[in-house]
Amino acid sequence: MRPFEFVEPITLHDVVQTLQVGGAQTRLIAGGSDLLGELKDEVAAYERLVSLAALPELRTLHQDAAGFRLGALLTLTQLEYEARFQGPYRMLAEAARGVATPEIRQQGTLGGNLCQRPRCLYYRSALSPCLKKGGTDCPAVSGPYQEYLSVMGGQGCFCVHASDLAPPLLAMEAQVTLRGAAGERTMPLAQFFAGPERDVTRENVRQDDEVLTVVSLPTLPPTWRGTYLKARERTAGDFPLVSVAVGYQLDHGRIQHARVVLGGVAPVPWRSPHAEAVLTGQAPSDTLAVQAADAALAVAQPLPHNAFKVEIGRTLVARAVGLVATLAANV
């Protein structure tokens, strides 16, 4: 690992100022479970790391009539065991429980999970040039290890977004708040993520001088239910090959407010309005679940060696639709 300066400002204002002065050679560090891996593997190098550890306001969890405000430094363990994440919010605890290992969940944070860099083996190798590191093409197109890569929305770069928390948060229509030198801005989480067609070197719209401070969840209908499922090579401690967040409520036996979001299949978490349209207004059934699954993966264009991810995605969507039917029927 190359040497770097480590600074720990005690106010958010000081963090933003330090980031603004440092520019591209300065990087935020929260739990560090992703960033330190990049530094050790020499995938990235920074002159200065700016710690958020001294900012207790980013560790708060507040609930009121409008919903939840989750500080970006809440750990995955806190999300996993938060007693209020039941009923409509249960899927967030499910997703947090599936991240990595207990040790990493103690250290990893909500904001870090949303802002993590790709797990693509070509990006993570210091010996492999790629578009994200200033290369001229994506070596994944003709190389091996395609099982971890995109089956939709690649646009020249075929990495996938590996966040476990993003799909359920998108399904619950979360918003994020960013604080930077220009002030504070809040946006739907769906607008926070950015694919390679916008900027191949980034996965989101956070500027170099901005800090993700809060993730907000609206008050969900009390009868809305959701679940999070993920397929991975190892039974624990692994990133998703494919993940799925599905949620809806039953109104007189008919599906309303359906949400279907996939992870691990595209450079950004992938919401499927087509699958949601298939579900809306219908009574849950095995046939409907299969139809929604087909709609969710209809636009997939897999690489030569990862078409199996499409079948995994279909299976997970269909299974999740059925699980939510049981949960919603028992409200």
Protein backbone atom coordinates (compact mmCIF):
# COMPACT_ATOMS: atom_id res chain seq x y z
CA MET A 1 0.00 0.00 0.00
CA ARG A 2 1.31 3.44 -0.90
CA PRO A 3 1.62 6.04 1.89
CA PHE A 4 -1.15 8.59 2.37
CA GLU A 5 -2.16 11.31 4.82
CA PHE A 6 -5.04 10.45 7.16
CA VAL A 7 -7.14 13.33 8.48
CA GLU A 8 -10.17 13.26 10.79
CA PRO A 9 -12.14 16.52 10.75
CA ILE A 10 -14.58 17.05 13.60
CA THR A 11 -17.30 18.87 11.63
CA LEU A 12 -19.04 18.17 8.35
CA HIS A 13 -18.07 21.66 7.17
CA ASP A 14 -14.40 20.81 7.67
CA VAL A 15 -14.83 17.52 5.80
CA VAL A 16 -16.29 19.31 2.79
CA GLN A 17 -13.57 21.97 2.83
CA THR A 18 -10.85 19.33 2.99
CA LEU A 19 -12.40 17.47 0.07
CA GLN A 20 -12.72 20.69 -1.95
CA VAL A 21 -9.08 21.61 -1.46
CA GLY A 22 -7.78 18.10 -2.04
CA GLY A 23 -9.67 17.46 -5.27
CA ALA A 24 -9.33 14.11 -7.01
CA GLN A 25 -6.37 13.06 -4.86
CA THR A 26 -8.48 13.12 -1.69
CA ARG A 27 -10.95 10.40 -0.81
CA LEU A 28 -13.56 9.87 1.90
CA ILE A 29 -13.26 6.86 4.18
CA ALA A 30 -16.09 5.51 6.35
CA GLY A 31 -15.84 1.84 7.35
CA GLY A 32 -13.08 1.31 4.80
CA SER A 33 -14.00 -2.28 3.93
CA ASP A 34 -14.10 -1.45 0.20
CA LEU A 35 -11.61 1.43 -0.09
CA LEU A 36 -8.78 -0.25 1.81
CA GLY A 37 -9.06 -3.26 -0.49
CA GLU A 38 -8.58 -0.97 -3.47
CA LEU A 39 -5.53 0.63 -1.90
CA LYS A 40 -3.92 -2.66 -0.88
CA ASP A 41 -4.43 -4.09 -4.37
CA GLU A 42 -3.04 -0.87 -5.89
CA VAL A 43 -6.16 -0.40 -7.95
CA ALA A 44 -6.32 3.17 -6.65
CA ALA A 45 -3.97 5.57 -4.90
CA TYR A 46 -4.82 8.77 -3.01
CA GLU A 47 -2.66 11.34 -1.30
CA ARG A 48 -5.15 11.92 1.52
CA LEU A 49 -7.99 10.01 3.19
CA VAL A 50 -10.64 12.03 5.02
CA SER A 51 -12.32 10.09 7.81
CA LEU A 52 -15.98 10.56 8.77
CA ALA A 53 -15.53 8.75 12.09
CA ALA A 54 -15.72 11.92 14.23
CA LEU A 55 -19.17 12.94 12.96
CA PRO A 56 -21.81 11.45 15.31
CA GLU A 57 -24.63 13.18 13.41
CA LEU A 58 -24.08 10.69 10.57
CA ARG A 59 -24.77 7.77 12.92
CA THR A 60 -28.33 8.71 13.87
CA LEU A 61 -31.56 6.89 13.04
CA HIS A 62 -34.70 9.00 13.33
CA GLN A 63 -38.32 8.04 12.69
CA ASP A 64 -41.28 10.38 12.49
CA ALA A 65 -44.54 10.72 10.58
CA ALA A 66 -42.64 11.27 7.32
CA GLY A 67 -40.67 8.02 7.63
CA PHE A 68 -37.05 7.21 8.52
CA ARG A 69 -33.87 9.30 8.28
CA LEU A 70 -30.86 7.00 8.28
CA GLY A 71 -27.42 8.46 8.86
CA ALA A 72 -24.91 7.32 6.26
CA LEU A 73 -22.54 5.96 8.95
CA LEU A 74 -25.05 3.50 10.38
CA THR A 75 -23.38 0.11 10.23
CA LEU A 76 -24.80 -2.88 8.43
CA THR A 77 -25.10 -4.62 11.79
CA GLN A 78 -27.28 -1.80 13.10
CA LEU A 79 -29.54 -2.12 10.07
CA GLU A 80 -29.62 -5.89 10.42
CA TYR A 81 -30.82 -5.79 14.03
CA GLU A 82 -32.93 -2.62 14.05
CA ALA A 83 -36.22 -3.65 15.70
CA ARG A 84 -38.25 -1.11 13.71
CA PHE A 85 -37.31 -2.70 10.40
CA GLN A 86 -40.26 -5.06 10.40
CA GLY A 87 -43.38 -5.20 8.28
CA PRO A 88 -42.91 -2.95 5.23
CA TYR A 89 -39.24 -2.31 6.09
CA ARG A 90 -38.22 -5.90 6.76
CA MET A 91 -36.50 -6.29 3.39
CA LEU A 92 -33.80 -3.76 4.38
CA ALA A 93 -32.82 -5.85 7.40
CA GLU A 94 -32.82 -8.95 5.18
CA ALA A 95 -30.45 -7.30 2.74
CA ALA A 96 -28.11 -6.07 5.47
CA ARG A 97 -28.01 -9.58 6.96
CA GLY A 98 -26.82 -10.99 3.66
CA VAL A 99 -23.77 -8.72 3.31
CA ALA A 100 -20.36 -10.34 3.70
CA THR A 101 -19.50 -11.61 7.20
CA PRO A 102 -20.45 -10.46 10.73
CA GLU A 103 -17.05 -8.82 11.12
CA ILE A 104 -17.46 -6.77 7.94
CA ARG A 105 -21.05 -5.86 8.82
CA GLN A 106 -19.77 -4.40 12.09
CA GLN A 107 -17.46 -2.10 10.12
CA GLY A 108 -19.26 -1.49 6.83
CA THR A 109 -21.72 1.41 6.56
CA LEU A 110 -24.93 2.25 4.79
CA GLY A 111 -23.29 5.01 2.75
CA GLY A 112 -20.28 2.87 1.93
CA ASN A 113 -22.45 0.04 0.66
CA LEU A 114 -24.25 2.41 -1.71
CA CYS A 115 -21.02 4.07 -2.88
CA GLN A 116 -18.81 0.98 -3.25
CA ARG A 117 -16.72 0.52 -6.36
CA PRO A 118 -17.27 -2.39 -8.79
CA ARG A 119 -16.20 -5.92 -7.90
CA CYS A 120 -15.26 -6.64 -11.53
CA LEU A 121 -12.10 -8.78 -11.54
CA TYR A 122 -10.63 -6.72 -14.36
CA TYR A 123 -11.17 -3.46 -12.48
CA ARG A 124 -9.81 -4.96 -9.26
CA SER A 125 -6.62 -6.22 -10.91
CA ALA A 126 -3.74 -3.74 -10.91
CA LEU A 127 -2.37 -5.58 -13.97
CA SER A 128 -5.51 -5.16 -16.08
CA PRO A 129 -6.29 -1.84 -17.80
CA CYS A 130 -9.97 -1.03 -18.21
CA LEU A 131 -12.18 1.93 -19.04
CA LYS A 132 -12.73 2.81 -15.40
CA LYS A 133 -8.98 3.12 -14.87
CA GLY A 134 -8.27 5.14 -18.00
CA GLY A 135 -7.97 2.25 -20.46
CA THR A 136 -9.28 2.23 -24.02
CA ASP A 137 -11.69 -0.71 -23.85
CA CYS A 138 -13.40 -3.23 -21.58
CA PRO A 139 -11.32 -6.45 -21.39
CA ALA A 140 -14.34 -8.34 -20.06
CA VAL A 141 -15.90 -8.47 -23.52
CA SER A 142 -13.47 -11.11 -24.76
CA GLY A 143 -12.04 -12.39 -21.49
CA PRO A 144 -12.99 -15.04 -18.93
CA TYR A 145 -14.68 -14.36 -15.55
CA GLN A 146 -17.85 -13.11 -17.21
CA GLU A 147 -20.03 -14.73 -14.54
CA TYR A 148 -19.66 -11.62 -12.39
CA LEU A 149 -20.51 -9.16 -15.16
CA SER A 150 -23.49 -7.35 -16.60
CA VAL A 151 -26.31 -8.93 -18.60
CA MET A 152 -28.01 -5.60 -19.35
CA GLY A 153 -27.17 -1.93 -19.61
CA GLY A 154 -23.42 -2.32 -20.15
CA GLN A 155 -22.83 0.49 -22.69
CA GLY A 156 -19.18 -0.47 -23.21
CA CYS A 157 -18.43 -1.25 -19.54
CA PHE A 158 -19.81 -4.52 -18.21
CA CYS A 159 -19.21 -4.20 -14.47
CA VAL A 160 -22.19 -4.61 -12.15
CA HIS A 161 -23.31 -2.69 -9.09
CA ALA A 162 -22.78 -5.05 -6.17
CA SER A 163 -24.67 -3.18 -3.43
CA ASP A 164 -27.01 -5.38 -1.41
CA LEU A 165 -28.82 -2.42 0.12
CA ALA A 166 -29.56 -0.55 -3.10
CA PRO A 167 -32.31 -2.85 -4.50
CA PRO A 168 -34.53 -2.81 -1.36
CA LEU A 169 -33.94 0.91 -0.84
CA LEU A 170 -34.95 1.60 -4.44
CA ALA A 171 -38.01 -0.61 -4.00
CA MET A 172 -38.97 1.49 -0.97
CA GLU A 173 -38.39 4.70 -2.99
CA ALA A 174 -35.59 6.02 -0.78
CA GLN A 175 -33.99 9.44 -1.20
CA VAL A 176 -30.41 10.48 -0.50
CA THR A 177 -29.01 13.77 0.75
CA LEU A 178 -25.58 15.05 -0.29
CA ARG A 179 -23.67 17.91 1.33
CA GLY A 180 -20.94 19.73 -0.60
CA ALA A 181 -19.31 23.11 -1.11
CA ALA A 182 -22.31 24.27 -3.14
CA GLY A 183 -24.73 23.34 -0.36
CA GLU A 184 -27.10 20.46 0.23
CA ARG A 185 -29.15 18.57 -2.33
CA THR A 186 -31.65 15.73 -2.01
CA MET A 187 -32.68 13.37 -4.79
CA PRO A 188 -34.41 10.04 -5.32
CA LEU A 189 -31.94 7.19 -4.91
CA ALA A 190 -32.70 6.15 -8.50
CA GLN A 191 -31.12 9.43 -9.67
CA PHE A 192 -28.05 8.95 -7.50
CA PHE A 193 -26.70 6.00 -9.49
CA ALA A 194 -25.14 6.66 -12.90
CA GLY A 195 -24.21 4.13 -15.56
CA PRO A 196 -21.18 4.19 -17.89
CA GLU A 197 -23.14 6.05 -20.56
CA ARG A 198 -22.94 9.11 -18.28
CA ASP A 199 -19.39 8.75 -16.93
CA VAL A 200 -17.56 5.47 -17.20
CA THR A 201 -15.22 6.36 -14.32
CA ARG A 202 -18.07 6.77 -11.79
CA GLU A 203 -21.02 4.78 -10.46
CA ASN A 204 -22.98 7.70 -8.99
CA VAL A 205 -23.40 11.47 -9.23
CA ARG A 206 -21.65 12.37 -5.97
CA GLN A 207 -19.09 15.07 -6.66
CA ASP A 208 -15.55 14.92 -5.25
CA ASP A 209 -16.37 17.50 -2.57
CA GLU A 210 -19.69 15.96 -1.52
CA VAL A 211 -20.61 13.67 1.37
CA LEU A 212 -23.59 11.34 1.34
CA THR A 213 -25.11 12.21 4.72
CA VAL A 214 -28.64 10.76 4.92
CA VAL A 215 -30.80 8.08 3.34
CA SER A 216 -34.51 8.83 3.79
CA LEU A 217 -37.33 6.30 3.63
CA PRO A 218 -40.94 7.41 3.24
CA THR A 219 -43.72 6.08 5.44
CA LEU A 220 -44.87 2.97 3.63
CA PRO A 221 -48.43 1.62 3.63
CA PRO A 222 -48.74 -0.70 6.65
CA THR A 223 -49.90 -3.56 4.44
CA TRP A 224 -47.01 -3.26 1.95
CA ARG A 225 -44.59 -6.19 2.16
CA GLY A 226 -41.31 -7.01 0.45
CA THR A 227 -38.47 -9.47 0.40
CA TYR A 228 -34.84 -9.57 -0.71
CA LEU A 229 -33.24 -12.64 -2.27
CA LYS A 230 -29.74 -13.11 -3.57
CA ALA A 231 -27.79 -15.83 -5.37
CA ARG A 232 -24.06 -16.11 -4.71
CA GLU A 233 -21.33 -18.64 -5.32
CA ARG A 234 -20.55 -19.14 -1.63
CA THR A 235 -23.24 -19.53 0.99
CA ALA A 236 -21.84 -16.67 3.09
CA GLY A 237 -19.55 -13.69 2.74
CA ASP A 238 -19.99 -13.27 -1.00
CA PHE A 239 -21.26 -10.57 -3.33
CA PRO A 240 -24.44 -11.25 -5.29
CA LEU A 241 -24.30 -12.92 -8.67
CA VAL A 242 -27.91 -11.74 -8.93
CA SER A 243 -30.14 -10.18 -6.29
CA VAL A 244 -33.80 -9.22 -6.29
CA ALA A 245 -36.00 -6.95 -4.17
CA VAL A 246 -39.74 -7.39 -4.74
CA GLY A 247 -42.51 -5.65 -2.83
CA TYR A 248 -46.22 -4.92 -3.11
CA GLN A 249 -49.46 -4.84 -1.15
CA LEU A 250 -52.72 -6.69 -1.70
CA ASP A 251 -55.93 -4.70 -2.08
CA HIS A 252 -58.93 -7.03 -2.12
CA GLY A 253 -56.64 -9.77 -3.35
CA ARG A 254 -55.08 -7.67 -6.13
CA ILE A 255 -51.48 -6.46 -6.30
CA GLN A 256 -50.89 -2.72 -5.90
CA HIS A 257 -47.75 -0.57 -5.59
CA ALA A 258 -45.55 -3.30 -7.07
CA ARG A 259 -41.78 -2.80 -7.07
CA VAL A 260 -39.22 -5.07 -8.74
CA VAL A 261 -35.51 -4.18 -8.53
CA LEU A 262 -32.53 -6.36 -9.51
CA GLY A 263 -28.92 -6.14 -8.38
CA GLY A 264 -25.77 -7.70 -9.80
CA VAL A 265 -27.07 -7.62 -13.38
CA ALA A 266 -26.16 -4.10 -14.59
CA PRO A 267 -23.77 -1.22 -13.82
CA VAL A 268 -26.58 0.32 -11.74
CA PRO A 269 -29.31 -1.28 -9.63
CA TRP A 270 -31.96 -2.19 -12.19
CA ARG A 271 -35.64 -1.40 -11.59
CA SER A 272 -38.10 -3.13 -13.92
CA PRO A 273 -41.25 -1.10 -14.66
CA HIS A 274 -42.29 -3.84 -17.11
CA ALA A 275 -42.37 -6.49 -14.38
CA GLU A 276 -44.21 -4.09 -12.09
CA ALA A 277 -46.84 -3.47 -14.78
CA VAL A 278 -47.35 -7.23 -15.19
CA LEU A 279 -48.04 -7.59 -11.45
CA THR A 280 -50.20 -4.51 -10.87
CA GLY A 281 -53.90 -5.19 -10.59
CA GLN A 282 -53.51 -8.97 -10.75
CA ALA A 283 -54.10 -11.70 -8.20
CA PRO A 284 -50.88 -13.47 -7.17
CA SER A 285 -50.31 -16.86 -8.77
CA ASP A 286 -47.44 -19.05 -9.92
CA THR A 287 -48.24 -18.18 -13.52
CA LEU A 288 -48.20 -14.45 -12.79
CA ALA A 289 -44.88 -14.80 -10.97
CA VAL A 290 -43.31 -16.42 -14.03
CA GLN A 291 -44.73 -13.73 -16.30
CA ALA A 292 -43.27 -10.99 -14.09
CA ALA A 293 -39.92 -12.79 -14.05
CA ASP A 294 -39.87 -13.01 -17.85
CA ALA A 295 -40.71 -9.31 -18.11
CA ALA A 296 -37.95 -8.34 -15.68
CA LEU A 297 -35.25 -10.08 -17.75
CA ALA A 298 -36.74 -9.52 -21.22
CA VAL A 299 -34.16 -6.85 -22.12
CA ALA A 300 -31.16 -8.92 -21.01
CA GLN A 301 -28.28 -9.22 -23.47
CA PRO A 302 -25.79 -11.50 -21.73
CA LEU A 303 -22.17 -11.95 -22.69
CA PRO A 304 -21.13 -15.31 -24.20
CA HIS A 305 -20.35 -16.86 -20.81
CA ASN A 306 -22.88 -15.44 -18.36
CA ALA A 307 -26.30 -16.23 -19.81
CA PHE A 308 -26.94 -18.38 -16.74
CA LYS A 309 -27.43 -15.15 -14.77
CA VAL A 310 -30.60 -14.48 -16.76
CA GLU A 311 -32.09 -17.78 -15.61
CA ILE A 312 -31.03 -17.10 -12.03
CA GLY A 313 -32.69 -13.71 -12.21
CA ARG A 314 -35.94 -15.17 -13.51
CA THR A 315 -35.96 -17.77 -10.77
CA LEU A 316 -35.33 -15.22 -8.02
CA VAL A 317 -38.01 -12.82 -9.26
CA ALA A 318 -40.62 -15.58 -9.50
CA ARG A 319 -39.70 -16.90 -6.06
CA ALA A 320 -39.81 -13.43 -4.51
CA VAL A 321 -43.23 -12.67 -6.00
CA GLY A 322 -44.55 -15.83 -4.36
CA LEU A 323 -42.93 -15.08 -1.00
CA VAL A 324 -44.40 -11.58 -0.91
CA ALA A 325 -47.85 -13.00 -1.69
CA THR A 326 -47.62 -15.09 1.47
CA LEU A 327 -46.36 -12.16 3.55
CA ALA A 328 -49.02 -9.76 2.23
CA ALA A 329 -51.84 -12.27 2.67
CA ASN A 330 -50.95 -12.68 6.36
CA VAL A 331 -51.03 -8.98 7.24
